[in-house]
N, C-alpha and C. Protein backbone atom coordinates (compact mmCIF):
# COMPACT_ATOMS: atom_id res chain seq x y z
N MET A 1 -23.62 23.11 23.22
CA MET A 1 -22.47 22.64 22.46
C MET A 1 -22.01 21.28 22.97
N CYS A 2 -22.01 21.11 24.27
CA CYS A 2 -21.56 19.85 24.87
C CYS A 2 -22.51 18.71 24.48
N SER A 3 -23.80 18.99 24.45
CA SER A 3 -24.76 17.95 24.08
C SER A 3 -24.62 17.58 22.61
N LYS A 4 -24.27 18.54 21.78
CA LYS A 4 -24.04 18.27 20.35
C LYS A 4 -22.84 17.35 20.16
N ALA A 5 -21.78 17.57 20.94
CA ALA A 5 -20.59 16.72 20.86
C ALA A 5 -20.90 15.30 21.33
N LYS A 6 -21.69 15.18 22.39
CA LYS A 6 -22.07 13.85 22.88
C LYS A 6 -22.91 13.12 21.84
N GLN A 7 -23.79 13.86 21.18
CA GLN A 7 -24.64 13.26 20.16
C GLN A 7 -23.79 12.76 18.99
N LEU A 8 -22.79 13.52 18.60
CA LEU A 8 -21.92 13.10 17.51
C LEU A 8 -21.11 11.86 17.87
N LEU A 9 -20.68 11.77 19.13
CA LEU A 9 -19.91 10.60 19.56
C LEU A 9 -20.77 9.35 19.63
N LYS A 10 -22.05 9.50 19.90
CA LYS A 10 -22.95 8.36 19.97
C LYS A 10 -23.44 7.92 18.59
N ASN A 11 -23.26 8.75 17.59
CA ASN A 11 -23.72 8.44 16.25
C ASN A 11 -22.89 7.29 15.67
N THR A 12 -23.55 6.19 15.33
CA THR A 12 -22.83 5.02 14.81
C THR A 12 -23.19 4.74 13.36
N ASN A 13 -23.80 5.69 12.68
CA ASN A 13 -24.12 5.50 11.25
C ASN A 13 -22.83 5.33 10.47
N GLY A 14 -22.79 4.31 9.63
CA GLY A 14 -21.61 4.06 8.82
C GLY A 14 -20.56 3.20 9.50
N GLN A 15 -20.75 2.90 10.77
CA GLN A 15 -19.75 2.10 11.49
C GLN A 15 -19.67 0.70 10.89
N GLY A 16 -20.81 0.10 10.56
CA GLY A 16 -20.81 -1.24 9.98
C GLY A 16 -20.10 -1.28 8.65
N LEU A 17 -20.29 -0.24 7.85
CA LEU A 17 -19.64 -0.16 6.55
C LEU A 17 -18.12 -0.10 6.70
N VAL A 18 -17.65 0.66 7.66
CA VAL A 18 -16.21 0.76 7.90
C VAL A 18 -15.66 -0.59 8.36
N GLU A 19 -16.39 -1.28 9.21
CA GLU A 19 -15.93 -2.60 9.67
C GLU A 19 -15.85 -3.59 8.52
N TYR A 20 -16.86 -3.59 7.65
CA TYR A 20 -16.83 -4.49 6.50
C TYR A 20 -15.68 -4.12 5.55
N ALA A 21 -15.41 -2.85 5.39
CA ALA A 21 -14.31 -2.43 4.54
C ALA A 21 -12.97 -2.89 5.11
N LEU A 22 -12.82 -2.79 6.43
CA LEU A 22 -11.56 -3.26 7.05
C LEU A 22 -11.40 -4.76 6.89
N ILE A 23 -12.47 -5.50 7.04
CA ILE A 23 -12.41 -6.96 6.86
C ILE A 23 -12.03 -7.28 5.42
N LEU A 24 -12.64 -6.57 4.48
CA LEU A 24 -12.34 -6.79 3.07
C LEU A 24 -10.87 -6.51 2.75
N VAL A 25 -10.33 -5.46 3.33
CA VAL A 25 -8.92 -5.12 3.12
C VAL A 25 -8.02 -6.20 3.70
N LEU A 26 -8.34 -6.68 4.89
CA LEU A 26 -7.52 -7.73 5.50
C LEU A 26 -7.56 -9.02 4.69
N VAL A 27 -8.74 -9.38 4.18
CA VAL A 27 -8.85 -10.58 3.35
C VAL A 27 -8.05 -10.40 2.07
N ALA A 28 -8.11 -9.23 1.47
CA ALA A 28 -7.34 -8.97 0.25
C ALA A 28 -5.84 -9.10 0.50
N ILE A 29 -5.38 -8.60 1.63
CA ILE A 29 -3.95 -8.70 1.97
C ILE A 29 -3.54 -10.16 2.12
N VAL A 30 -4.36 -10.95 2.77
CA VAL A 30 -4.05 -12.38 2.95
C VAL A 30 -4.03 -13.10 1.60
N VAL A 31 -5.00 -12.80 0.74
CA VAL A 31 -5.05 -13.44 -0.57
C VAL A 31 -3.84 -13.06 -1.41
N ILE A 32 -3.47 -11.80 -1.40
CA ILE A 32 -2.29 -11.36 -2.16
C ILE A 32 -1.03 -12.04 -1.65
N ALA A 33 -0.88 -12.13 -0.34
CA ALA A 33 0.29 -12.79 0.23
C ALA A 33 0.32 -14.27 -0.16
N ALA A 34 -0.83 -14.92 -0.12
CA ALA A 34 -0.89 -16.35 -0.48
C ALA A 34 -0.55 -16.54 -1.96
N LEU A 35 -1.08 -15.68 -2.82
CA LEU A 35 -0.80 -15.81 -4.24
C LEU A 35 0.67 -15.54 -4.56
N LYS A 36 1.27 -14.61 -3.85
CA LYS A 36 2.70 -14.35 -4.07
C LYS A 36 3.54 -15.55 -3.66
N SER A 37 3.15 -16.21 -2.58
CA SER A 37 3.96 -17.33 -2.09
C SER A 37 3.83 -18.56 -2.98
N ILE A 38 2.66 -18.78 -3.58
CA ILE A 38 2.49 -19.96 -4.42
C ILE A 38 2.54 -19.62 -5.91
N GLY A 39 2.71 -18.37 -6.23
CA GLY A 39 2.69 -17.94 -7.63
C GLY A 39 3.76 -18.56 -8.48
N SER A 40 4.97 -18.60 -7.99
CA SER A 40 6.07 -19.14 -8.81
C SER A 40 5.91 -20.64 -9.04
N GLU A 41 5.46 -21.36 -8.02
CA GLU A 41 5.24 -22.80 -8.19
C GLU A 41 4.13 -23.07 -9.19
N THR A 42 3.07 -22.29 -9.11
CA THR A 42 1.96 -22.45 -10.04
C THR A 42 2.41 -22.14 -11.46
N ASN A 43 3.24 -21.14 -11.62
CA ASN A 43 3.77 -20.79 -12.94
C ASN A 43 4.59 -21.94 -13.50
N LYS A 44 5.39 -22.58 -12.67
CA LYS A 44 6.20 -23.72 -13.13
C LYS A 44 5.31 -24.86 -13.61
N VAL A 45 4.25 -25.12 -12.88
CA VAL A 45 3.34 -26.21 -13.26
C VAL A 45 2.70 -25.90 -14.61
N PHE A 46 2.20 -24.69 -14.79
CA PHE A 46 1.57 -24.33 -16.06
C PHE A 46 2.57 -24.37 -17.21
N CYS A 47 3.80 -23.97 -16.97
CA CYS A 47 4.82 -24.04 -18.02
C CYS A 47 5.12 -25.49 -18.40
N ASN A 48 5.18 -26.37 -17.41
CA ASN A 48 5.42 -27.79 -17.70
C ASN A 48 4.26 -28.38 -18.50
N VAL A 49 3.04 -28.06 -18.13
CA VAL A 49 1.88 -28.56 -18.86
C VAL A 49 1.90 -28.03 -20.29
N SER A 50 2.21 -26.75 -20.44
CA SER A 50 2.27 -26.15 -21.78
C SER A 50 3.34 -26.81 -22.63
N ASP A 51 4.50 -27.07 -22.04
CA ASP A 51 5.58 -27.73 -22.79
C ASP A 51 5.17 -29.13 -23.23
N HIS A 52 4.51 -29.87 -22.37
CA HIS A 52 4.09 -31.22 -22.71
C HIS A 52 3.03 -31.20 -23.80
N ILE A 53 2.17 -30.22 -23.78
CA ILE A 53 1.13 -30.13 -24.82
C ILE A 53 1.77 -29.80 -26.17
N ARG A 54 2.71 -28.85 -26.17
CA ARG A 54 3.38 -28.46 -27.42
C ARG A 54 4.21 -29.59 -28.00
N LEU A 55 4.87 -30.36 -27.12
CA LEU A 55 5.74 -31.43 -27.59
C LEU A 55 4.95 -32.71 -27.94
N GLY A 56 3.70 -32.76 -27.54
CA GLY A 56 2.87 -33.91 -27.87
C GLY A 56 3.08 -35.10 -26.95
N ASN A 57 3.62 -34.87 -25.76
CA ASN A 57 3.85 -36.00 -24.84
C ASN A 57 2.67 -36.18 -23.94
């Protein structure tokens, strides 16, 4: 039983996948935070461009 437990603790199958998933989650969090911080400014720019196109200026 003890050797079976040691074997399970040494098993690293899937460890790389978990690490890549954690990295992906962290990158997604950073991207979402960045988009939230610049989202309102970007919206203002697009609204100004849209207004100028509609008004013909």
